[in-house]
C-alpha atoms as a PDB file:
ATOM      1  CA  MET A   1     -35.178 -14.467  55.601  1.00  0.00           C
ATOM      2  CA  SER A   2     -34.527 -16.321  59.105  1.00  0.00           C
ATOM      3  CA  ILE A   3     -36.447 -17.277  62.040  1.00  0.00           C
ATOM      4  CA  LYS A   4     -35.370 -15.149  64.718  1.00  0.00           C
ATOM      5  CA  CYS A   5     -35.845 -17.016  68.033  1.00  0.00           C
ATOM      6  CA  MET A   6     -34.612 -16.513  71.971  1.00  0.00           C
ATOM      7  CA  ILE A   7     -34.352 -18.832  74.819  1.00  0.00           C
ATOM      8  CA  VAL A   8     -35.199 -18.183  78.019  1.00  0.00           C
ATOM      9  CA  ASP A   9     -34.294 -20.615  80.850  1.00  0.00           C
ATOM     10  CA  ASP A  10     -32.500 -20.444  84.383  1.00  0.00           C
ATOM     11  CA  GLU A  11     -30.800 -23.787  84.089  1.00  0.00           C
ATOM     12  CA  PRO A  12     -27.557 -23.429  81.719  1.00  0.00           C
ATOM     13  CA  LEU A  13     -28.147 -27.245  80.716  1.00  0.00           C
ATOM     14  CA  ALA A  14     -31.417 -26.480  79.411  1.00  0.00           C
ATOM     15  CA  ILE A  15     -30.271 -23.740  77.087  1.00  0.00           C
ATOM     16  CA  GLU A  16     -27.490 -25.655  76.087  1.00  0.00           C
ATOM     17  CA  ILE A  17     -29.558 -28.657  74.570  1.00  0.00           C
ATOM     18  CA  LEU A  18     -31.819 -26.222  72.923  1.00  0.00           C
ATOM     19  CA  GLU A  19     -29.271 -24.137  71.477  1.00  0.00           C
ATOM     20  CA  ASN A  20     -27.914 -27.755  70.178  1.00  0.00           C
ATOM     21  CA  TYR A  21     -30.930 -28.385  68.815  1.00  0.00           C
ATOM     22  CA  ILE A  22     -31.773 -25.054  66.810  1.00  0.00           C
ATOM     23  CA  LEU A  23     -28.165 -24.829  65.571  1.00  0.00           C
ATOM     24  CA  ARG A  24     -29.402 -28.362  63.371  1.00  0.00           C
ATOM     25  CA  LEU A  25     -32.092 -26.088  62.011  1.00  0.00           C
ATOM     26  CA  GLU A  26     -31.771 -24.307  58.849  1.00  0.00           C
ATOM     27  CA  LYS A  27     -32.762 -20.943  58.677  1.00  0.00           C
ATOM     28  CA  TRP A  28     -32.925 -19.651  62.162  1.00  0.00           C
ATOM     29  CA  GLU A  29     -31.185 -17.721  64.225  1.00  0.00           C
ATOM     30  CA  ILE A  30     -30.602 -17.503  67.797  1.00  0.00           C
ATOM     31  CA  VAL A  31     -30.832 -13.879  68.614  1.00  0.00           C
ATOM     32  CA  GLY A  32     -30.606 -14.430  72.625  1.00  0.00           C
ATOM     33  CA  LYS A  33     -30.037 -16.787  75.717  1.00  0.00           C
ATOM     34  CA  CYS A  34     -31.797 -15.137  78.596  1.00  0.00           C
ATOM     35  CA  ARG A  35     -31.547 -16.412  82.368  1.00  0.00           C
ATOM     36  CA  SER A  36     -34.560 -14.389  83.656  1.00  0.00           C
ATOM     37  CA  ALA A  37     -37.741 -13.021  82.492  1.00  0.00           C
ATOM     38  CA  MET A  38     -36.143  -9.309  83.327  1.00  0.00           C
ATOM     39  CA  GLU A  39     -33.480 -10.197  80.747  1.00  0.00           C
ATOM     40  CA  ALA A  40     -35.479 -11.433  77.960  1.00  0.00           C
ATOM     41  CA  PHE A  41     -37.756  -8.508  78.685  1.00  0.00           C
ATOM     42  CA  GLN A  42     -34.845  -6.056  78.057  1.00  0.00           C
ATOM     43  CA  LEU A  43     -34.178  -8.164  74.604  1.00  0.00           C
ATOM     44  CA  LEU A  44     -37.572  -7.739  73.348  1.00  0.00           C
ATOM     45  CA  GLN A  45     -37.543  -3.667  73.456  1.00  0.00           C
ATOM     46  CA  ARG A  46     -34.254  -4.470  71.600  1.00  0.00           C
ATOM     47  CA  LYS A  47     -34.503  -6.851  69.279  1.00  0.00           C
ATOM     48  CA  GLU A  48     -36.489  -8.527  66.781  1.00  0.00           C
ATOM     49  CA  ILE A  49     -38.008 -11.792  68.129  1.00  0.00           C
ATOM     50  CA  ASP A  50     -40.392 -14.170  65.948  1.00  0.00           C
ATOM     51  CA  VAL A  51     -40.282 -17.177  68.625  1.00  0.00           C
ATOM     52  CA  MET A  52     -39.581 -17.510  72.322  1.00  0.00           C
ATOM     53  CA  PHE A  53     -38.764 -20.990  74.046  1.00  0.00           C
ATOM     54  CA  LEU A  54     -39.852 -20.292  77.522  1.00  0.00           C
ATOM     55  CA  ASP A  55     -39.302 -22.088  80.998  1.00  0.00           C
ATOM     56  CA  ILE A  56     -42.340 -21.776  83.162  1.00  0.00           C
ATOM     57  CA  SER A  57     -41.012 -22.496  86.620  1.00  0.00           C
ATOM     58  CA  MET A  58     -38.176 -19.340  86.979  1.00  0.00           C
ATOM     59  CA  PRO A  59     -37.563 -17.362  90.189  1.00  0.00           C
ATOM     60  CA  LYS A  60     -38.840 -14.130  90.705  1.00  0.00           C
ATOM     61  CA  LEU A  61     -41.015 -14.291  87.670  1.00  0.00           C
ATOM     62  CA  SER A  62     -42.194 -17.184  86.233  1.00  0.00           C
ATOM     63  CA  GLY A  63     -42.789 -17.803  82.349  1.00  0.00           C
ATOM     64  CA  MET A  64     -46.730 -17.860  82.520  1.00  0.00           C
ATOM     65  CA  ASP A  65     -46.606 -14.423  84.609  1.00  0.00           C
ATOM     66  CA  PHE A  66     -43.705 -12.796  81.899  1.00  0.00           C
ATOM     67  CA  ILE A  67     -46.376 -13.730  79.148  1.00  0.00           C
ATOM     68  CA  LYS A  68     -49.310 -11.887  80.455  1.00  0.00           C
ATOM     69  CA  GLY A  69     -47.231  -8.568  80.854  1.00  0.00           C
ATOM     70  CA  LEU A  70     -46.605  -8.881  77.428  1.00  0.00           C
ATOM     71  CA  SER A  71     -48.849  -6.670  74.953  1.00  0.00           C
ATOM     72  CA  ASN A  72     -47.659  -7.977  71.820  1.00  0.00           C
ATOM     73  CA  PRO A  73     -45.500 -11.204  72.520  1.00  0.00           C
ATOM     74  CA  PRO A  74     -43.918 -13.476  69.925  1.00  0.00           C
ATOM     75  CA  LEU A  75     -44.516 -16.949  68.850  1.00  0.00           C
ATOM     76  CA  VAL A  76     -44.297 -18.985  72.423  1.00  0.00           C
ATOM     77  CA  VAL A  77     -43.187 -22.605  73.225  1.00  0.00           C
ATOM     78  CA  PHE A  78     -43.031 -23.693  76.910  1.00  0.00           C
ATOM     79  CA  THR A  79     -40.653 -25.553  78.267  1.00  0.00           C
ATOM     80  CA  THR A  80     -40.746 -27.273  81.654  1.00  0.00           C
ATOM     81  CA  ALA A  81     -39.931 -29.998  84.160  1.00  0.00           C
ATOM     82  CA  TYR A  82     -43.522 -30.096  85.295  1.00  0.00           C
ATOM     83  CA  ARG A  83     -46.624 -31.726  83.145  1.00  0.00           C
ATOM     84  CA  GLU A  84     -48.888 -29.982  85.648  1.00  0.00           C
ATOM     85  CA  TYR A  85     -48.830 -26.789  83.414  1.00  0.00           C
ATOM     86  CA  ALA A  86     -49.679 -28.423  80.324  1.00  0.00           C
ATOM     87  CA  VAL A  87     -53.556 -26.906  79.929  1.00  0.00           C
ATOM     88  CA  GLU A  88     -53.183 -23.961  81.579  1.00  0.00           C
ATOM     89  CA  SER A  89     -50.098 -23.401  78.962  1.00  0.00           C
ATOM     90  CA  TYR A  90     -52.606 -22.753  76.268  1.00  0.00           C
ATOM     91  CA  GLU A  91     -54.876 -20.253  77.643  1.00  0.00           C
ATOM     92  CA  PHE A  92     -51.636 -18.288  76.810  1.00  0.00           C
ATOM     93  CA  ASN A  93     -51.893 -19.225  73.099  1.00  0.00           C
ATOM     94  CA  ALA A  94     -48.464 -21.191  73.389  1.00  0.00           C
ATOM     95  CA  LEU A  95     -47.573 -23.345  70.108  1.00  0.00           C
ATOM     96  CA  ASP A  96     -46.520 -25.972  72.236  1.00  0.00           C
ATOM     97  CA  TYR A  97     -45.601 -27.700  75.303  1.00  0.00           C
ATOM     98  CA  LEU A  98     -42.216 -29.546  76.154  1.00  0.00           C
ATOM     99  CA  VAL A  99     -41.210 -31.480  79.152  1.00  0.00           C
ATOM    100  CA  LYS A 100     -38.204 -31.662  80.041  1.00  0.00           C
ATOM    101  CA  PRO A 101     -35.682 -33.618  79.343  1.00  0.00           C
ATOM    102  CA  ILE A 102     -36.224 -32.765  75.633  1.00  0.00           C
ATOM    103  CA  SER A 103     -35.817 -35.142  73.069  1.00  0.00           C
ATOM    104  CA  PHE A 104     -34.709 -33.688  69.014  1.00  0.00           C
ATOM    105  CA  GLU A 105     -37.749 -35.737  68.191  1.00  0.00           C
ATOM    106  CA  ARG A 106     -40.083 -34.124  70.338  1.00  0.00           C
ATOM    107  CA  PHE A 107     -38.469 -30.616  69.578  1.00  0.00           C
ATOM    108  CA  TRP A 108     -38.993 -31.228  66.005  1.00  0.00           C
ATOM    109  CA  LYS A 109     -42.581 -31.928  66.518  1.00  0.00           C
ATOM    110  CA  ALA A 110     -42.995 -28.838  67.974  1.00  0.00           C
ATOM    111  CA  ILE A 111     -40.529 -26.375  65.373  1.00  0.00           C
ATOM    112  CA  THR A 112     -43.075 -28.415  62.727  1.00  0.00           C
ATOM    113  CA  LYS A 113     -45.876 -26.334  64.543  1.00  0.00           C
ATOM    114  CA  VAL A 114     -43.538 -22.952  64.720  1.00  0.00           C
ATOM    115  CA  GLN A 115     -42.542 -23.056  61.071  1.00  0.00           C
ATOM    116  CA  GLN A 116     -46.143 -23.462  59.940  1.00  0.00           C
ATOM    117  CA  GLN A 117     -47.514 -20.951  62.354  1.00  0.00           C
ATOM    118  CA  TYR A 118     -44.855 -18.567  60.627  1.00  0.00           C
ATOM    119  CA  ALA A 119     -45.008 -19.078  57.331  1.00  0.00           C
ATOM    120  CA  LEU A 120     -49.056 -18.479  57.611  1.00  0.00           C
ATOM    121  CA  LEU A 121     -48.446 -15.360  59.489  1.00  0.00           C
ATOM    122  CA  ASN A 122     -45.989 -13.875  57.317  1.00  0.00           C
ATOM    123  CA  SER A 123     -47.665 -14.669  54.094  1.00  0.00           C
ATOM    124  CA  SER A 124     -51.069 -12.851  55.675  1.00  0.00           C
ATOM    125  CA  GLU A 125     -48.981  -9.757  57.060  1.00  0.00           C
ATOM    126  CA  GLU A 126     -47.175  -9.395  53.262  1.00  0.00           C
ATOM    127  CA  ILE A 127     -50.718  -9.511  51.451  1.00  0.00           C
ATOM    128  CA  GLN A 128     -52.272  -7.121  54.319  1.00  0.00           C
ATOM    129  CA  GLU A 129     -50.104  -4.102  53.863  1.00  0.00           C
ATOM    130  CA  ASP A 130     -51.906  -3.710  49.937  1.00  0.00           C
ATOM    131  CA  ASN A 131     -55.631  -4.339  51.788  1.00  0.00           C
ATOM    132  CA  PRO A 132     -55.756  -1.852  54.671  1.00  0.00           C
ATOM    133  CA  ALA A 133     -59.868  -1.831  54.735  1.00  0.00           C
ATOM    134  CA  TYR A 134     -59.646  -5.787  54.820  1.00  0.00           C
ATOM    135  CA  LEU A 135     -58.371  -7.964  57.098  1.00  0.00           C
ATOM    136  CA  LEU A 136     -57.161 -11.399  55.058  1.00  0.00           C
ATOM    137  CA  LEU A 137     -57.898 -14.693  57.232  1.00  0.00           C
ATOM    138  CA  LYS A 138     -57.113 -17.908  56.497  1.00  0.00           C
ATOM    139  CA  SER A 139     -59.740 -20.781  56.919  1.00  0.00           C
ATOM    140  CA  ASP A 140     -60.794 -24.038  56.075  1.00  0.00           C
ATOM    141  CA  ARG A 141     -57.986 -23.968  53.361  1.00  0.00           C
ATOM    142  CA  LYS A 142     -59.575 -20.538  51.883  1.00  0.00           C
ATOM    143  CA  THR A 143     -58.640 -16.630  52.296  1.00  0.00           C
ATOM    144  CA  TYR A 144     -61.527 -15.000  53.347  1.00  0.00           C
ATOM    145  CA  LYS A 145     -61.281 -11.128  52.782  1.00  0.00           C
ATOM    146  CA  ILE A 146     -63.348  -9.676  55.702  1.00  0.00           C
ATOM    147  CA  PRO A 147     -64.290  -5.685  55.685  1.00  0.00           C
ATOM    148  CA  PHE A 148     -62.742  -4.450  59.047  1.00  0.00           C
ATOM    149  CA  GLU A 149     -66.035  -2.437  59.521  1.00  0.00           C
ATOM    150  CA  GLN A 150     -67.905  -5.805  59.735  1.00  0.00           C
ATOM    151  CA  ILE A 151     -65.990  -7.176  62.517  1.00  0.00           C
ATOM    152  CA  LEU A 152     -67.726  -7.454  66.074  1.00  0.00           C
ATOM    153  CA  TYR A 153     -65.185  -8.954  67.867  1.00  0.00           C
ATOM    154  CA  ILE A 154     -62.056 -11.651  67.615  1.00  0.00           C
ATOM    155  CA  GLU A 155     -61.949 -14.048  70.457  1.00  0.00           C
ATOM    156  CA  SER A 156     -59.119 -16.449  71.000  1.00  0.00           C
ATOM    157  CA  MET A 157     -59.246 -19.966  71.832  1.00  0.00           C
ATOM    158  CA  THR A 158     -55.982 -21.634  72.670  1.00  0.00           C
ATOM    159  CA  GLU A 159     -54.076 -22.363  69.387  1.00  0.00           C
ATOM    160  CA  TYR A 160     -57.036 -20.537  67.358  1.00  0.00           C
ATOM    161  CA  ILE A 161     -58.738 -17.479  67.212  1.00  0.00           C
ATOM    162  CA  THR A 162     -62.611 -17.012  65.758  1.00  0.00           C
ATOM    163  CA  VAL A 163     -63.226 -13.643  63.860  1.00  0.00           C
ATOM    164  CA  HIS A 164     -67.320 -12.576  64.815  1.00  0.00           C
ATOM    165  CA  THR A 165     -68.904 -10.751  61.996  1.00  0.00           C
ATOM    166  CA  GLU A 166     -71.934  -9.362  61.205  1.00  0.00           C
ATOM    167  CA  LYS A 167     -72.868 -12.259  58.935  1.00  0.00           C
ATOM    168  CA  GLU A 168     -70.464 -14.905  60.105  1.00  0.00           C
ATOM    169  CA  SER A 169     -67.993 -16.552  62.498  1.00  0.00           C
ATOM    170  CA  LEU A 170     -64.873 -17.661  61.082  1.00  0.00           C
ATOM    171  CA  ILE A 171     -62.027 -20.082  62.601  1.00  0.00           C
ATOM    172  CA  SER A 172     -58.022 -19.459  62.144  1.00  0.00           C
ATOM    173  CA  TYR A 173     -55.239 -21.503  63.257  1.00  0.00           C
ATOM    174  CA  GLN A 174     -52.758 -18.255  65.007  1.00  0.00           C
ATOM    175  CA  PRO A 175     -52.633 -16.303  67.844  1.00  0.00           C
ATOM    176  CA  ILE A 176     -54.576 -13.206  68.568  1.00  0.00           C
ATOM    177  CA  SER A 177     -51.372 -11.327  69.533  1.00  0.00           C
ATOM    178  CA  HIS A 178     -50.276 -11.126  65.119  1.00  0.00           C
ATOM    179  CA  ILE A 179     -53.857 -10.489  64.072  1.00  0.00           C
ATOM    180  CA  GLU A 180     -53.880  -7.610  66.709  1.00  0.00           C
ATOM    181  CA  LYS A 181     -50.885  -6.233  64.887  1.00  0.00           C
ATOM    182  CA  LEU A 182     -52.984  -5.809  61.811  1.00  0.00           C
ATOM    183  CA  LEU A 183     -55.983  -3.992  63.288  1.00  0.00           C
ATOM    184  CA  ASP A 184     -56.595  -0.268  63.496  1.00  0.00           C
ATOM    185  CA  VAL A 185     -55.249   0.859  67.112  1.00  0.00           C
ATOM    186  CA  GLU A 186     -58.375   3.775  66.823  1.00  0.00           C
ATOM    187  CA  LYS A 187     -60.821   0.906  65.660  1.00  0.00           C
ATOM    188  CA  PHE A 188     -60.094  -2.039  68.014  1.00  0.00           C
ATOM    189  CA  LEU A 189     -59.466  -2.313  71.449  1.00  0.00           C
ATOM    190  CA  ARG A 190     -57.804  -5.228  73.309  1.00  0.00           C
ATOM    191  CA  ILE A 191     -59.827  -5.957  76.407  1.00  0.00           C
ATOM    192  CA  HIS A 192     -58.943  -9.632  77.497  1.00  0.00           C
ATOM    193  CA  ARG A 193     -56.044 -11.986  76.913  1.00  0.00           C
ATOM    194  CA  SER A 194     -58.877 -13.903  74.609  1.00  0.00           C
ATOM    195  CA  PHE A 195     -61.191 -10.729  73.690  1.00  0.00           C
ATOM    196  CA  ILE A 196     -60.387  -7.538  70.789  1.00  0.00           C
ATOM    197  CA  ILE A 197     -63.363  -5.510  70.201  1.00  0.00           C
ATOM    198  CA  ALA A 198     -64.431  -3.354  67.387  1.00  0.00           C
ATOM    199  CA  ILE A 199     -65.200  -0.074  69.464  1.00  0.00           C
ATOM    200  CA  ASP A 200     -67.854   1.481  67.268  1.00  0.00           C
ATOM    201  CA  LYS A 201     -69.921  -1.759  68.066  1.00  0.00           C
ATOM    202  CA  VAL A 202     -69.919  -1.557  71.253  1.00  0.00           C
ATOM    203  CA  SER A 203     -73.391  -0.639  72.857  1.00  0.00           C
ATOM    204  CA  ALA A 204     -72.884  -0.627  76.580  1.00  0.00           C
ATOM    205  CA  PHE A 205     -70.067  -1.179  78.971  1.00  0.00           C
ATOM    206  CA  SER A 206     -69.755  -1.602  82.673  1.00  0.00           C
ATOM    207  CA  ALA A 207     -66.251  -1.790  84.574  1.00  0.00           C
ATOM    208  CA  ASN A 208     -66.227  -5.691  83.837  1.00  0.00           C
ATOM    209  CA  PHE A 209     -67.790  -6.319  80.933  1.00  0.00           C
ATOM    210  CA  VAL A 210     -68.833  -4.228  76.942  1.00  0.00           C
ATOM    211  CA  LEU A 211     -72.043  -5.150  75.516  1.00  0.00           C
ATOM    212  CA  ILE A 212     -71.685  -6.323  71.749  1.00  0.00           C
ATOM    213  CA  GLY A 213     -75.063  -7.092  70.528  1.00  0.00           C
ATOM    214  CA  SER A 214     -76.698  -9.491  72.767  1.00  0.00           C
ATOM    215  CA  LYS A 215     -72.772 -10.857  73.975  1.00  0.00           C
ATOM    216  CA  GLU A 216     -71.423  -9.668  77.251  1.00  0.00           C
ATOM    217  CA  LEU A 217     -67.411  -9.792  77.066  1.00  0.00           C
ATOM    218  CA  PRO A 218     -65.387  -9.367  79.518  1.00  0.00           C
ATOM    219  CA  ILE A 219     -62.653  -7.045  80.615  1.00  0.00           C
ATOM    220  CA  SER A 220     -59.875  -8.122  82.287  1.00  0.00           C
ATOM    221  CA  ARG A 221     -57.985  -6.399  85.310  1.00  0.00           C
ATOM    222  CA  SER A 222     -55.026  -5.922  83.437  1.00  0.00           C
ATOM    223  CA  TYR A 223     -56.857  -3.863  80.780  1.00  0.00           C
ATOM    224  CA  LYS A 224     -59.378  -2.237  82.526  1.00  0.00           C
ATOM    225  CA  MET A 225     -57.360   1.050  82.573  1.00  0.00           C
ATOM    226  CA  GLN A 226     -56.640   1.014  79.174  1.00  0.00           C
ATOM    227  CA  VAL A 227     -60.701   0.350  78.320  1.00  0.00           C
ATOM    228  CA  SER A 228     -61.637   2.852  80.259  1.00  0.00           C
ATOM    229  CA  THR A 229     -59.215   5.349  78.770  1.00  0.00           C
ATOM    230  CA  LYS A 230     -60.693   4.953  75.738  1.00  0.00           C
ATOM    231  CA  LEU A 231     -64.321   4.331  75.869  1.00  0.00           C
ATOM    232  CA  ASN A 232     -65.161   7.123  78.188  1.00  0.00           C
ATOM    233  CA  GLY A 233     -61.551   9.036  78.935  1.00  0.00           C
ATOM    234  CA  LYS A 234     -61.907   8.315  82.622  1.00  0.00           C
ATOM    235  CA  ALA A 235     -61.195   5.347  85.055  1.00  0.00           C
ATOM    236  CA  ILE A 236     -63.680   2.805  85.940  1.00  0.00           C
ATOM    237  CA  TYR A 237     -63.943   0.570  89.194  1.00  0.00           C
END
């Protein structure tokens, strides 16, 4: 099975360099090359993409703003000529941050991270299909079987997530978007780029936060409407 990727960059030379690097890899397939975020969005609607190499500084819509608008993005490796975006990029669960001009050696380090994460996610999802009542989570070199009913909320921390349960908190190396795919949308709700909650564990909520136990979790502006609809069926302001 090949890893399907796309390159998003408004500079033809940058696309060409990444394309040449990717063609050296085994079991990788370039599904598309896009010159803008809008082209990339249209491709994501039509094709299954595992990995996106995404330029940050693009006209009309930046790579970061583009990611903000995706509810379920693929694995992301940011590319840019500007080092100052590095810290902010990890808020988007990017696996790596490549500064142009990109050497093959530095590119290979990023690919190593991507392939490890891809293997982890696919092995988890294959097992998960046979255990619909549980979330199988790899943490600390073990696989934990977590009943969905015990999950309170899931928190994203750059490249990691923490699954908070009634008994413990477990850290796993993967983006929150991939855990989201494994959850029942009738029981779990994304309220923020960094938080997914168990709906039945909410004891109170307002326009800006939900309360689970003694923990206040923020509702971001982009998720406010869907949180409102799910929790009480009417808008909150």
